[in-house]
Amino acid sequence: RSADAEHVTAVTLQTVGGDIESVPFSKEHGAVQFDLPDSAIAAVA
């Protein structure tokens, strides 16, 4: 949830030891929502 949520155009995710990947996302009520893959223990979005 962020005041900038309506301006988000893409979400990328980098997991530990993994590549940077684009992930599908949605925007709703001032928040951006996306799924973490089941293999993700730690990541930076």
PDB file of all heavy atoms in Angstrom:
ATOM      1  N   ARG A   1       0.852  -1.184   0.000  1.00  0.00           N
ATOM      2  CA  ARG A   1       0.000   0.000   0.000  1.00  0.00           C
ATOM      3  C   ARG A   1       0.893   1.240   0.000  1.00  0.00           C
ATOM      4  O   ARG A   1       1.785   1.368   0.820  1.00  0.00           O
ATOM      5  CB  ARG A   1      -0.904  -0.023   1.229  1.00  0.00           C
ATOM      6  CG  ARG A   1      -2.010   0.991   1.199  1.00  0.00           C
ATOM      7  CD  ARG A   1      -3.032   0.749   2.304  1.00  0.00           C
ATOM      8  NE  ARG A   1      -3.735  -0.524   2.183  1.00  0.00           N
ATOM      9  CZ  ARG A   1      -4.788  -0.713   1.384  1.00  0.00           C
ATOM     10  NH1 ARG A   1      -5.235   0.255   0.643  1.00  0.00           N
ATOM     11  NH2 ARG A   1      -5.380  -1.893   1.342  1.00  0.00           N
ATOM     12  N   SER A   2       0.623   2.148  -0.934  1.00  0.00           N
ATOM     13  CA  SER A   2       1.442   3.359  -1.073  1.00  0.00           C
ATOM     14  C   SER A   2       0.624   4.448  -1.754  1.00  0.00           C
ATOM     15  O   SER A   2      -0.278   4.157  -2.554  1.00  0.00           O
ATOM     16  CB  SER A   2       2.682   3.046  -1.926  1.00  0.00           C
ATOM     17  OG  SER A   2       3.332   4.223  -2.320  1.00  0.00           O
ATOM     18  N   ALA A   3       0.966   5.694  -1.458  1.00  0.00           N
ATOM     19  CA  ALA A   3       0.322   6.816  -2.131  1.00  0.00           C
ATOM     20  C   ALA A   3       0.642   6.795  -3.625  1.00  0.00           C
ATOM     21  O   ALA A   3      -0.092   7.374  -4.428  1.00  0.00           O
ATOM     22  CB  ALA A   3       0.780   8.130  -1.505  1.00  0.00           C
ATOM     23  N   ASP A   4       1.724   6.114  -4.023  1.00  0.00           N
ATOM     24  CA  ASP A   4       2.135   6.030  -5.426  1.00  0.00           C
ATOM     25  C   ASP A   4       1.566   4.810  -6.146  1.00  0.00           C
ATOM     26  O   ASP A   4       1.881   4.576  -7.311  1.00  0.00           O
ATOM     27  CB  ASP A   4       3.662   5.980  -5.530  1.00  0.00           C
ATOM     28  CG  ASP A   4       4.318   7.282  -5.121  1.00  0.00           C
ATOM     29  OD1 ASP A   4       3.689   8.341  -5.296  1.00  0.00           O
ATOM     30  OD2 ASP A   4       5.456   7.249  -4.628  1.00  0.00           O
ATOM     31  N   ALA A   5       0.735   4.019  -5.503  1.00  0.00           N
ATOM     32  CA  ALA A   5       0.258   2.755  -6.082  1.00  0.00           C
ATOM     33  C   ALA A   5      -0.403   2.949  -7.440  1.00  0.00           C
ATOM     34  O   ALA A   5      -0.219   2.127  -8.341  1.00  0.00           O
ATOM     35  CB  ALA A   5      -0.687   2.051  -5.122  1.00  0.00           C
ATOM     36  N   GLU A   6      -1.157   4.012  -7.612  1.00  0.00           N
ATOM     37  CA  GLU A   6      -1.848   4.219  -8.892  1.00  0.00           C
ATOM     38  C   GLU A   6      -0.879   4.485 -10.038  1.00  0.00           C
ATOM     39  O   GLU A   6      -1.242   4.352 -11.200  1.00  0.00           O
ATOM     40  CB  GLU A   6      -2.868   5.347  -8.779  1.00  0.00           C
ATOM     41  CG  GLU A   6      -2.248   6.718  -8.549  1.00  0.00           C
ATOM     42  CD  GLU A   6      -3.294   7.793  -8.363  1.00  0.00           C
ATOM     43  OE1 GLU A   6      -4.185   7.602  -7.525  1.00  0.00           O
ATOM     44  OE2 GLU A   6      -3.204   8.817  -9.061  1.00  0.00           O
ATOM     45  N   HIS A   7       0.372   4.830  -9.734  1.00  0.00           N
ATOM     46  CA  HIS A   7       1.372   5.133 -10.760  1.00  0.00           C
ATOM     47  C   HIS A   7       2.282   3.952 -11.084  1.00  0.00           C
ATOM     48  O   HIS A   7       3.193   4.087 -11.894  1.00  0.00           O
ATOM     49  CB  HIS A   7       2.225   6.322 -10.319  1.00  0.00           C
ATOM     50  CG  HIS A   7       1.416   7.554 -10.052  1.00  0.00           C
ATOM     51  ND1 HIS A   7       0.767   8.267 -11.040  1.00  0.00           N
ATOM     52  CD2 HIS A   7       1.105   8.175  -8.893  1.00  0.00           C
ATOM     53  CE1 HIS A   7       0.122   9.278 -10.507  1.00  0.00           C
ATOM     54  NE2 HIS A   7       0.303   9.254  -9.196  1.00  0.00           N
ATOM     55  N   VAL A   8       2.067   2.798 -10.461  1.00  0.00           N
ATOM     56  CA  VAL A   8       2.902   1.624 -10.725  1.00  0.00           C
ATOM     57  C   VAL A   8       2.582   1.080 -12.116  1.00  0.00           C
ATOM     58  O   VAL A   8       1.422   0.883 -12.467  1.00  0.00           O
ATOM     59  CB  VAL A   8       2.688   0.534  -9.642  1.00  0.00           C
ATOM     60  CG1 VAL A   8       3.405  -0.751 -10.020  1.00  0.00           C
ATOM     61  CG2 VAL A   8       3.180   1.040  -8.293  1.00  0.00           C
ATOM     62  N   THR A   9       3.638   0.854 -12.915  1.00  0.00           N
ATOM     63  CA  THR A   9       3.462   0.347 -14.278  1.00  0.00           C
ATOM     64  C   THR A   9       4.010  -1.068 -14.443  1.00  0.00           C
ATOM     65  O   THR A   9       3.680  -1.744 -15.414  1.00  0.00           O
ATOM     66  CB  THR A   9       4.166   1.258 -15.293  1.00  0.00           C
ATOM     67  OG1 THR A   9       5.558   1.337 -14.961  1.00  0.00           O
ATOM     68  CG2 THR A   9       3.563   2.650 -15.286  1.00  0.00           C
ATOM     69  N   ALA A  10       4.863  -1.521 -13.540  1.00  0.00           N
ATOM     70  CA  ALA A  10       5.443  -2.864 -13.630  1.00  0.00           C
ATOM     71  C   ALA A  10       5.947  -3.271 -12.248  1.00  0.00           C
ATOM     72  O   ALA A  10       6.294  -2.420 -11.425  1.00  0.00           O
ATOM     73  CB  ALA A  10       6.595  -2.899 -14.631  1.00  0.00           C
ATOM     74  N   VAL A  11       5.994  -4.579 -12.014  1.00  0.00           N
ATOM     75  CA  VAL A  11       6.560  -5.129 -10.786  1.00  0.00           C
ATOM     76  C   VAL A  11       7.567  -6.202 -11.188  1.00  0.00           C
ATOM     77  O   VAL A  11       7.255  -7.081 -11.993  1.00  0.00           O
ATOM     78  CB  VAL A  11       5.475  -5.740  -9.874  1.00  0.00           C
ATOM     79  CG1 VAL A  11       6.107  -6.408  -8.648  1.00  0.00           C
ATOM     80  CG2 VAL A  11       4.483  -4.679  -9.435  1.00  0.00           C
ATOM     81  N   THR A  12       8.787  -6.090 -10.658  1.00  0.00           N
ATOM     82  CA  THR A  12       9.797  -7.123 -10.878  1.00  0.00           C
ATOM     83  C   THR A  12      10.169  -7.722  -9.529  1.00  0.00           C
ATOM     84  O   THR A  12      10.050  -7.077  -8.487  1.00  0.00           O
ATOM     85  CB  THR A  12      11.050  -6.577 -11.580  1.00  0.00           C
ATOM     86  OG1 THR A  12      11.580  -5.481 -10.847  1.00  0.00           O
ATOM     87  CG2 THR A  12      10.738  -6.135 -12.999  1.00  0.00           C
ATOM     88  N   LEU A  13      10.627  -8.963  -9.582  1.00  0.00           N
ATOM     89  CA  LEU A  13      10.939  -9.699  -8.370  1.00  0.00           C
ATOM     90  C   LEU A  13      12.276 -10.392  -8.563  1.00  0.00           C
ATOM     91  O   LEU A  13      12.515 -11.020  -9.591  1.00  0.00           O
ATOM     92  CB  LEU A  13       9.844 -10.741  -8.122  1.00  0.00           C
ATOM     93  CG  LEU A  13       9.864 -11.479  -6.803  1.00  0.00           C
ATOM     94  CD1 LEU A  13       9.528 -10.524  -5.660  1.00  0.00           C
ATOM     95  CD2 LEU A  13       8.864 -12.615  -6.833  1.00  0.00           C
ATOM     96  N   GLN A  14      13.159 -10.232  -7.576  1.00  0.00           N
ATOM     97  CA  GLN A  14      14.423 -10.966  -7.596  1.00  0.00           C
ATOM     98  C   GLN A  14      14.507 -11.803  -6.331  1.00  0.00           C
ATOM     99  O   GLN A  14      14.477 -11.277  -5.226  1.00  0.00           O
ATOM    100  CB  GLN A  14      15.627 -10.037  -7.679  1.00  0.00           C
ATOM    101  CG  GLN A  14      16.927 -10.822  -7.759  1.00  0.00           C
ATOM    102  CD  GLN A  14      18.124  -9.966  -8.092  1.00  0.00           C
ATOM    103  OE1 GLN A  14      18.067  -8.747  -8.051  1.00  0.00           O
ATOM    104  NE2 GLN A  14      19.214 -10.611  -8.415  1.00  0.00           N
ATOM    105  N   THR A  15      14.584 -13.117  -6.509  1.00  0.00           N
ATOM    106  CA  THR A  15      14.718 -14.023  -5.380  1.00  0.00           C
ATOM    107  C   THR A  15      16.197 -14.279  -5.122  1.00  0.00           C
ATOM    108  O   THR A  15      17.044 -14.001  -5.976  1.00  0.00           O
ATOM    109  CB  THR A  15      13.999 -15.356  -5.646  1.00  0.00           C
ATOM    110  OG1 THR A  15      14.517 -15.927  -6.840  1.00  0.00           O
ATOM    111  CG2 THR A  15      12.498 -15.163  -5.771  1.00  0.00           C
ATOM    112  N   VAL A  16      16.525 -14.811  -3.968  1.00  0.00           N
ATOM    113  CA  VAL A  16      17.913 -15.093  -3.606  1.00  0.00           C
ATOM    114  C   VAL A  16      18.499 -16.057  -4.628  1.00  0.00           C
ATOM    115  O   VAL A  16      17.953 -17.139  -4.860  1.00  0.00           O
ATOM    116  CB  VAL A  16      17.993 -15.695  -2.189  1.00  0.00           C
ATOM    117  CG1 VAL A  16      19.419 -16.092  -1.855  1.00  0.00           C
ATOM    118  CG2 VAL A  16      17.450 -14.713  -1.170  1.00  0.00           C
ATOM    119  N   GLY A  17      19.586 -15.649  -5.260  1.00  0.00           N
ATOM    120  CA  GLY A  17      20.245 -16.480  -6.259  1.00  0.00           C
ATOM    121  C   GLY A  17      19.508 -16.581  -7.577  1.00  0.00           C
ATOM    122  O   GLY A  17      19.906 -17.333  -8.453  1.00  0.00           O
ATOM    123  N   GLY A  18      18.430 -15.832  -7.738  1.00  0.00           N
ATOM    124  CA  GLY A  18      17.630 -15.907  -8.960  1.00  0.00           C
ATOM    125  C   GLY A  18      17.780 -14.683  -9.833  1.00  0.00           C
ATOM    126  O   GLY A  18      18.431 -13.701  -9.474  1.00  0.00           O
ATOM    127  N   ASP A  19      17.169 -14.755 -10.994  1.00  0.00           N
ATOM    128  CA  ASP A  19      17.167 -13.636 -11.929  1.00  0.00           C
ATOM    129  C   ASP A  19      16.044 -12.662 -11.578  1.00  0.00           C
ATOM    130  O   ASP A  19      15.126 -12.997 -10.832  1.00  0.00           O
ATOM    131  CB  ASP A  19      16.944 -14.141 -13.354  1.00  0.00           C
ATOM    132  CG  ASP A  19      18.101 -15.002 -13.849  1.00  0.00           C
ATOM    133  OD1 ASP A  19      19.253 -14.722 -13.454  1.00  0.00           O
ATOM    134  OD2 ASP A  19      17.849 -15.944 -14.610  1.00  0.00           O
ATOM    135  N   ILE A  20      16.112 -11.471 -12.154  1.00  0.00           N
ATOM    136  CA  ILE A  20      15.035 -10.493 -11.998  1.00  0.00           C
ATOM    137  C   ILE A  20      13.955 -10.855 -13.005  1.00  0.00           C
ATOM    138  O   ILE A  20      14.229 -11.001 -14.194  1.00  0.00           O
ATOM    139  CB  ILE A  20      15.557  -9.064 -12.236  1.00  0.00           C
ATOM    140  CG1 ILE A  20      16.610  -8.709 -11.193  1.00  0.00           C
ATOM    141  CG2 ILE A  20      14.402  -8.064 -12.213  1.00  0.00           C
ATOM    142  CD1 ILE A  20      17.321  -7.396 -11.453  1.00  0.00           C
ATOM    143  N   GLU A  21      12.723 -11.032 -12.515  1.00  0.00           N
ATOM    144  CA  GLU A  21      11.611 -11.435 -13.363  1.00  0.00           C
ATOM    145  C   GLU A  21      10.425 -10.499 -13.182  1.00  0.00           C
ATOM    146  O   GLU A  21      10.145 -10.058 -12.070  1.00  0.00           O
ATOM    147  CB  GLU A  21      11.156 -12.849 -13.006  1.00  0.00           C
ATOM    148  CG  GLU A  21      12.221 -13.902 -13.199  1.00  0.00           C
ATOM    149  CD  GLU A  21      11.736 -15.286 -12.819  1.00  0.00           C
ATOM    150  OE1 GLU A  21      10.506 -15.515 -12.810  1.00  0.00           O
ATOM    151  OE2 GLU A  21      12.585 -16.132 -12.532  1.00  0.00           O
ATOM    152  N   SER A  22       9.741 -10.220 -14.268  1.00  0.00           N
ATOM    153  CA  SER A  22       8.492  -9.461 -14.187  1.00  0.00           C
ATOM    154  C   SER A  22       7.408 -10.372 -13.635  1.00  0.00           C
ATOM    155  O   SER A  22       7.372 -11.560 -13.959  1.00  0.00           O
ATOM    156  CB  SER A  22       8.074  -8.968 -15.568  1.00  0.00           C
ATOM    157  OG  SER A  22       8.980  -8.007 -16.038  1.00  0.00           O
ATOM    158  N   VAL A  23       6.552  -9.816 -12.795  1.00  0.00           N
ATOM    159  CA  VAL A  23       5.441 -10.596 -12.245  1.00  0.00           C
ATOM    160  C   VAL A  23       4.130  -9.862 -12.528  1.00  0.00           C
ATOM    161  O   VAL A  23       4.086  -8.638 -12.526  1.00  0.00           O
ATOM    162  CB  VAL A  23       5.600 -10.844 -10.721  1.00  0.00           C
ATOM    163  CG1 VAL A  23       6.787 -11.735 -10.438  1.00  0.00           C
ATOM    164  CG2 VAL A  23       5.730  -9.559  -9.952  1.00  0.00           C
ATOM    165  N   PRO A  24       3.069 -10.622 -12.785  1.00  0.00           N
ATOM    166  CA  PRO A  24       1.765  -9.983 -12.970  1.00  0.00           C
ATOM    167  C   PRO A  24       1.310  -9.333 -11.667  1.00  0.00           C
ATOM    168  O   PRO A  24       1.619  -9.834 -10.591  1.00  0.00           O
ATOM    169  CB  PRO A  24       0.836 -11.140 -13.354  1.00  0.00           C
ATOM    170  CG  PRO A  24       1.647 -12.376 -13.363  1.00  0.00           C
ATOM    171  CD  PRO A  24       3.026 -12.055 -12.925  1.00  0.00           C
ATOM    172  N   PHE A  25       0.595  -8.241 -11.797  1.00  0.00           N
ATOM    173  CA  PHE A  25       0.128  -7.528 -10.603  1.00  0.00           C
ATOM    174  C   PHE A  25      -1.217  -6.891 -10.893  1.00  0.00           C
ATOM    175  O   PHE A  25      -1.639  -6.770 -12.041  1.00  0.00           O
ATOM    176  CB  PHE A  25       1.146  -6.469 -10.164  1.00  0.00           C
ATOM    177  CG  PHE A  25       1.260  -5.307 -11.115  1.00  0.00           C
ATOM    178  CD1 PHE A  25       0.575  -4.125 -10.872  1.00  0.00           C
ATOM    179  CD2 PHE A  25       2.048  -5.389 -12.250  1.00  0.00           C
ATOM    180  CE1 PHE A  25       0.665  -3.058 -11.752  1.00  0.00           C
ATOM    181  CE2 PHE A  25       2.154  -4.331 -13.133  1.00  0.00           C
ATOM    182  CZ  PHE A  25       1.462  -3.155 -12.882  1.00  0.00           C
ATOM    183  N   SER A  26      -1.878  -6.481  -9.833  1.00  0.00           N
ATOM    184  CA  SER A  26      -3.119  -5.723  -9.962  1.00  0.00           C
ATOM    185  C   SER A  26      -3.061  -4.550  -8.998  1.00  0.00           C
ATOM    186  O   SER A  26      -2.277  -4.545  -8.057  1.00  0.00           O
ATOM    187  CB  SER A  26      -4.334  -6.612  -9.672  1.00  0.00           C
ATOM    188  OG  SER A  26      -4.285  -7.070  -8.339  1.00  0.00           O
ATOM    189  N   LYS A  27      -3.908  -3.558  -9.265  1.00  0.00           N
ATOM    190  CA  LYS A  27      -3.987  -2.383  -8.395  1.00  0.00           C
ATOM    191  C   LYS A  27      -5.428  -2.255  -7.908  1.00  0.00           C
ATOM    192  O   LYS A  27      -6.363  -2.397  -8.695  1.00  0.00           O
ATOM    193  CB  LYS A  27      -3.590  -1.117  -9.151  1.00  0.00           C
ATOM    194  CG  LYS A  27      -2.155  -1.123  -9.614  1.00  0.00           C
ATOM    195  CD  LYS A  27      -1.754   0.194 -10.214  1.00  0.00           C
ATOM    196  CE  LYS A  27      -2.032   0.217 -11.692  1.00  0.00           C
ATOM    197  NZ  LYS A  27      -1.471   1.392 -12.371  1.00  0.00           N
ATOM    198  N   GLU A  28      -5.558  -2.021  -6.606  1.00  0.00           N
ATOM    199  CA  GLU A  28      -6.897  -1.917  -6.041  1.00  0.00           C
ATOM    200  C   GLU A  28      -6.852  -1.116  -4.742  1.00  0.00           C
ATOM    201  O   GLU A  28      -6.049  -1.419  -3.860  1.00  0.00           O
ATOM    202  CB  GLU A  28      -7.431  -3.326  -5.764  1.00  0.00           C
ATOM    203  CG  GLU A  28      -8.872  -3.367  -5.358  1.00  0.00           C
ATOM    204  CD  GLU A  28      -9.358  -4.800  -5.238  1.00  0.00           C
ATOM    205  OE1 GLU A  28      -9.038  -5.616  -6.112  1.00  0.00           O
ATOM    206  OE2 GLU A  28     -10.037  -5.077  -4.235  1.00  0.00           O
ATOM    207  N   HIS A  29      -7.664  -0.103  -4.643  1.00  0.00           N
ATOM    208  CA  HIS A  29      -7.831   0.680  -3.411  1.00  0.00           C
ATOM    209  C   HIS A  29      -6.497   1.172  -2.837  1.00  0.00           C
ATOM    210  O   HIS A  29      -6.218   0.990  -1.658  1.00  0.00           O
ATOM    211  CB  HIS A  29      -8.586  -0.126  -2.354  1.00  0.00           C
ATOM    212  CG  HIS A  29      -9.904  -0.639  -2.819  1.00  0.00           C
ATOM    213  ND1 HIS A  29     -10.954   0.188  -3.137  1.00  0.00           N
ATOM    214  CD2 HIS A  29     -10.341  -1.900  -3.042  1.00  0.00           C
ATOM    215  CE1 HIS A  29     -11.983  -0.536  -3.527  1.00  0.00           C
ATOM    216  NE2 HIS A  29     -11.634  -1.808  -3.489  1.00  0.00           N
ATOM    217  N   GLY A  30      -5.661   1.762  -3.676  1.00  0.00           N
ATOM    218  CA  GLY A  30      -4.403   2.331  -3.203  1.00  0.00           C
ATOM    219  C   GLY A  30      -3.326   1.321  -2.872  1.00  0.00           C
ATOM    220  O   GLY A  30      -2.405   1.617  -2.132  1.00  0.00           O
ATOM    221  N   ALA A  31      -3.446   0.111  -3.429  1.00  0.00           N
ATOM    222  CA  ALA A  31      -2.454  -0.935  -3.160  1.00  0.00           C
ATOM    223  C   ALA A  31      -2.129  -1.698  -4.438  1.00  0.00           C
ATOM    224  O   ALA A  31      -2.943  -1.778  -5.352  1.00  0.00           O
ATOM    225  CB  ALA A  31      -2.970  -1.900  -2.105  1.00  0.00           C
ATOM    226  N   VAL A  32      -0.927  -2.227  -4.484  1.00  0.00           N
ATOM    227  CA  VAL A  32      -0.485  -3.100  -5.569  1.00  0.00           C
ATOM    228  C   VAL A  32      -0.425  -4.508  -5.005  1.00  0.00           C
ATOM    229  O   VAL A  32       0.105  -4.722  -3.911  1.00  0.00           O
ATOM    230  CB  VAL A  32       0.894  -2.666  -6.091  1.00  0.00           C
ATOM    231  CG1 VAL A  32       1.416  -3.621  -7.140  1.00  0.00           C
ATOM    232  CG2 VAL A  32       0.831  -1.249  -6.640  1.00  0.00           C
ATOM    233  N   GLN A  33      -0.970  -5.481  -5.753  1.00  0.00           N
ATOM    234  CA  GLN A  33      -0.999  -6.861  -5.280  1.00  0.00           C
ATOM    235  C   GLN A  33      -0.331  -7.771  -6.308  1.00  0.00           C
ATOM    236  O   GLN A  33      -0.529  -7.603  -7.501  1.00  0.00           O
ATOM    237  CB  GLN A  33      -2.437  -7.305  -5.074  1.00  0.00           C
ATOM    238  CG  GLN A  33      -3.165  -6.455  -4.063  1.00  0.00           C
ATOM    239  CD  GLN A  33      -4.650  -6.768  -4.037  1.00  0.00           C
ATOM    240  OE1 GLN A  33      -5.037  -7.912  -3.987  1.00  0.00           O
ATOM    241  NE2 GLN A  33      -5.457  -5.730  -4.082  1.00  0.00           N
ATOM    242  N   PHE A  34       0.457  -8.735  -5.808  1.00  0.00           N
ATOM    243  CA  PHE A  34       1.099  -9.715  -6.680  1.00  0.00           C
ATOM    244  C   PHE A  34       1.383 -10.963  -5.861  1.00  0.00           C
ATOM    245  O   PHE A  34       1.318 -10.941  -4.631  1.00  0.00           O
ATOM    246  CB  PHE A  34       2.388  -9.154  -7.295  1.00  0.00           C
ATOM    247  CG  PHE A  34       3.385  -8.632  -6.312  1.00  0.00           C
ATOM    248  CD1 PHE A  34       4.395  -9.435  -5.815  1.00  0.00           C
ATOM    249  CD2 PHE A  34       3.308  -7.319  -5.857  1.00  0.00           C
ATOM    250  CE1 PHE A  34       5.307  -8.954  -4.899  1.00  0.00           C
ATOM    251  CE2 PHE A  34       4.219  -6.822  -4.947  1.00  0.00           C
ATOM    252  CZ  PHE A  34       5.233  -7.643  -4.463  1.00  0.00           C
ATOM    253  N   ASP A  35       1.676 -12.050  -6.547  1.00  0.00           N
ATOM    254  CA  ASP A  35       1.954 -13.321  -5.880  1.00  0.00           C
ATOM    255  C   ASP A  35       3.447 -13.597  -5.856  1.00  0.00           C
ATOM    256  O   ASP A  35       4.151 -13.333  -6.831  1.00  0.00           O
ATOM    257  CB  ASP A  35       1.262 -14.481  -6.595  1.00  0.00           C
ATOM    258  CG  ASP A  35      -0.239 -14.466  -6.419  1.00  0.00           C
ATOM    259  OD1 ASP A  35      -0.709 -13.879  -5.425  1.00  0.00           O
ATOM    260  OD2 ASP A  35      -0.928 -15.046  -7.263  1.00  0.00           O
ATOM    261  N   LEU A  36       3.916 -14.142  -4.742  1.00  0.00           N
ATOM    262  CA  LEU A  36       5.285 -14.661  -4.649  1.00  0.00           C
ATOM    263  C   LEU A  36       5.256 -16.109  -5.110  1.00  0.00           C
ATOM    264  O   LEU A  36       4.361 -16.855  -4.718  1.00  0.00           O
ATOM    265  CB  LEU A  36       5.779 -14.636  -3.205  1.00  0.00           C
ATOM    266  CG  LEU A  36       6.227 -13.319  -2.624  1.00  0.00           C
ATOM    267  CD1 LEU A  36       6.664 -13.530  -1.182  1.00  0.00           C
ATOM    268  CD2 LEU A  36       7.364 -12.744  -3.422  1.00  0.00           C
ATOM    269  N   PRO A  37       6.233 -16.531  -5.912  1.00  0.00           N
ATOM    270  CA  PRO A  37       6.271 -17.938  -6.287  1.00  0.00           C
ATOM    271  C   PRO A  37       6.514 -18.818  -5.066  1.00  0.00           C
ATOM    272  O   PRO A  37       7.108 -18.380  -4.078  1.00  0.00           O
ATOM    273  CB  PRO A  37       7.436 -18.026  -7.273  1.00  0.00           C
ATOM    274  CG  PRO A  37       8.149 -16.732  -7.208  1.00  0.00           C
ATOM    275  CD  PRO A  37       7.298 -15.752  -6.487  1.00  0.00           C
ATOM    276  N   ASP A  38       6.055 -20.059  -5.132  1.00  0.00           N
ATOM    277  CA  ASP A  38       6.169 -20.944  -3.976  1.00  0.00           C
ATOM    278  C   ASP A  38       7.606 -21.214  -3.570  1.00  0.00           C
ATOM    279  O   ASP A  38       7.884 -21.541  -2.432  1.00  0.00           O
ATOM    280  CB  ASP A  38       5.420 -22.256  -4.215  1.00  0.00           C
ATOM    281  CG  ASP A  38       5.931 -23.028  -5.412  1.00  0.00           C
ATOM    282  OD1 ASP A  38       6.856 -22.560  -6.089  1.00  0.00           O
ATOM    283  OD2 ASP A  38       5.378 -24.115  -5.670  1.00  0.00           O
ATOM    284  N   SER A  39       8.551 -21.050  -4.482  1.00  0.00           N
ATOM    285  CA  SER A  39       9.953 -21.310  -4.164  1.00  0.00           C
ATOM    286  C   SER A  39      10.630 -20.135  -3.449  1.00  0.00           C
ATOM    287  O   SER A  39      11.764 -20.256  -2.984  1.00  0.00           O
ATOM    288  CB  SER A  39      10.721 -21.634  -5.444  1.00  0.00           C
ATOM    289  OG  SER A  39      10.635 -20.537  -6.345  1.00  0.00           O
ATOM    290  N   ALA A  40       9.964 -19.000  -3.353  1.00  0.00           N
ATOM    291  CA  ALA A  40      10.575 -17.793  -2.787  1.00  0.00           C
ATOM    292  C   ALA A  40      10.613 -17.855  -1.265  1.00  0.00           C
ATOM    293  O   ALA A  40       9.584 -17.965  -0.617  1.00  0.00           O
ATOM    294  CB  ALA A  40       9.825 -16.548  -3.230  1.00  0.00           C
ATOM    295  N   ILE A  41      11.806 -17.814  -0.726  1.00  0.00           N
ATOM    296  CA  ILE A  41      11.985 -17.712   0.718  1.00  0.00           C
ATOM    297  C   ILE A  41      12.294 -16.268   1.083  1.00  0.00           C
ATOM    298  O   ILE A  41      11.849 -15.753   2.086  1.00  0.00           O
ATOM    299  CB  ILE A  41      13.096 -18.656   1.196  1.00  0.00           C
ATOM    300  CG1 ILE A  41      12.671 -20.101   0.944  1.00  0.00           C
ATOM    301  CG2 ILE A  41      13.427 -18.424   2.653  1.00  0.00           C
ATOM    302  CD1 ILE A  41      13.748 -21.113   1.190  1.00  0.00           C
ATOM    303  N   ALA A  42      13.068 -15.608   0.216  1.00  0.00           N
ATOM    304  CA  ALA A  42      13.384 -14.190   0.394  1.00  0.00           C
ATOM    305  C   ALA A  42      13.474 -13.566  -0.993  1.00  0.00           C
ATOM    306  O   ALA A  42      13.911 -14.207  -1.947  1.00  0.00           O
ATOM    307  CB  ALA A  42      14.694 -14.014   1.149  1.00  0.00           C
ATOM    308  N   ALA A  43      13.039 -12.321  -1.114  1.00  0.00           N
ATOM    309  CA  ALA A  43      13.032 -11.650  -2.400  1.00  0.00           C
ATOM    310  C   ALA A  43      13.001 -10.136  -2.202  1.00  0.00           C
ATOM    311  O   ALA A  43      12.687  -9.654  -1.119  1.00  0.00           O
ATOM    312  CB  ALA A  43      11.819 -12.086  -3.218  1.00  0.00           C
ATOM    313  N   VAL A  44      13.326  -9.442  -3.278  1.00  0.00           N
ATOM    314  CA  VAL A  44      13.149  -7.994  -3.327  1.00  0.00           C
ATOM    315  C   VAL A  44      12.207  -7.707  -4.476  1.00  0.00           C
ATOM    316  O   VAL A  44      12.433  -8.151  -5.609  1.00  0.00           O
ATOM    317  CB  VAL A  44      14.492  -7.256  -3.540  1.00  0.00           C
ATOM    318  CG1 VAL A  44      14.258  -5.774  -3.765  1.00  0.00           C
ATOM    319  CG2 VAL A  44      15.412  -7.464  -2.360  1.00  0.00           C
ATOM    320  N   ALA A  45      11.124  -7.003  -4.174  1.00  0.00           N
ATOM    321  CA  ALA A  45      10.173  -6.586  -5.198  1.00  0.00           C
ATOM    322  C   ALA A  45      10.456  -5.124  -5.533  1.00  0.00           C
ATOM    323  O   ALA A  45      10.677  -4.314  -4.630  1.00  0.00           O
ATOM    324  CB  ALA A  45       8.748  -6.747  -4.700  1.00  0.00           C
TER     325      ALA A  45
END
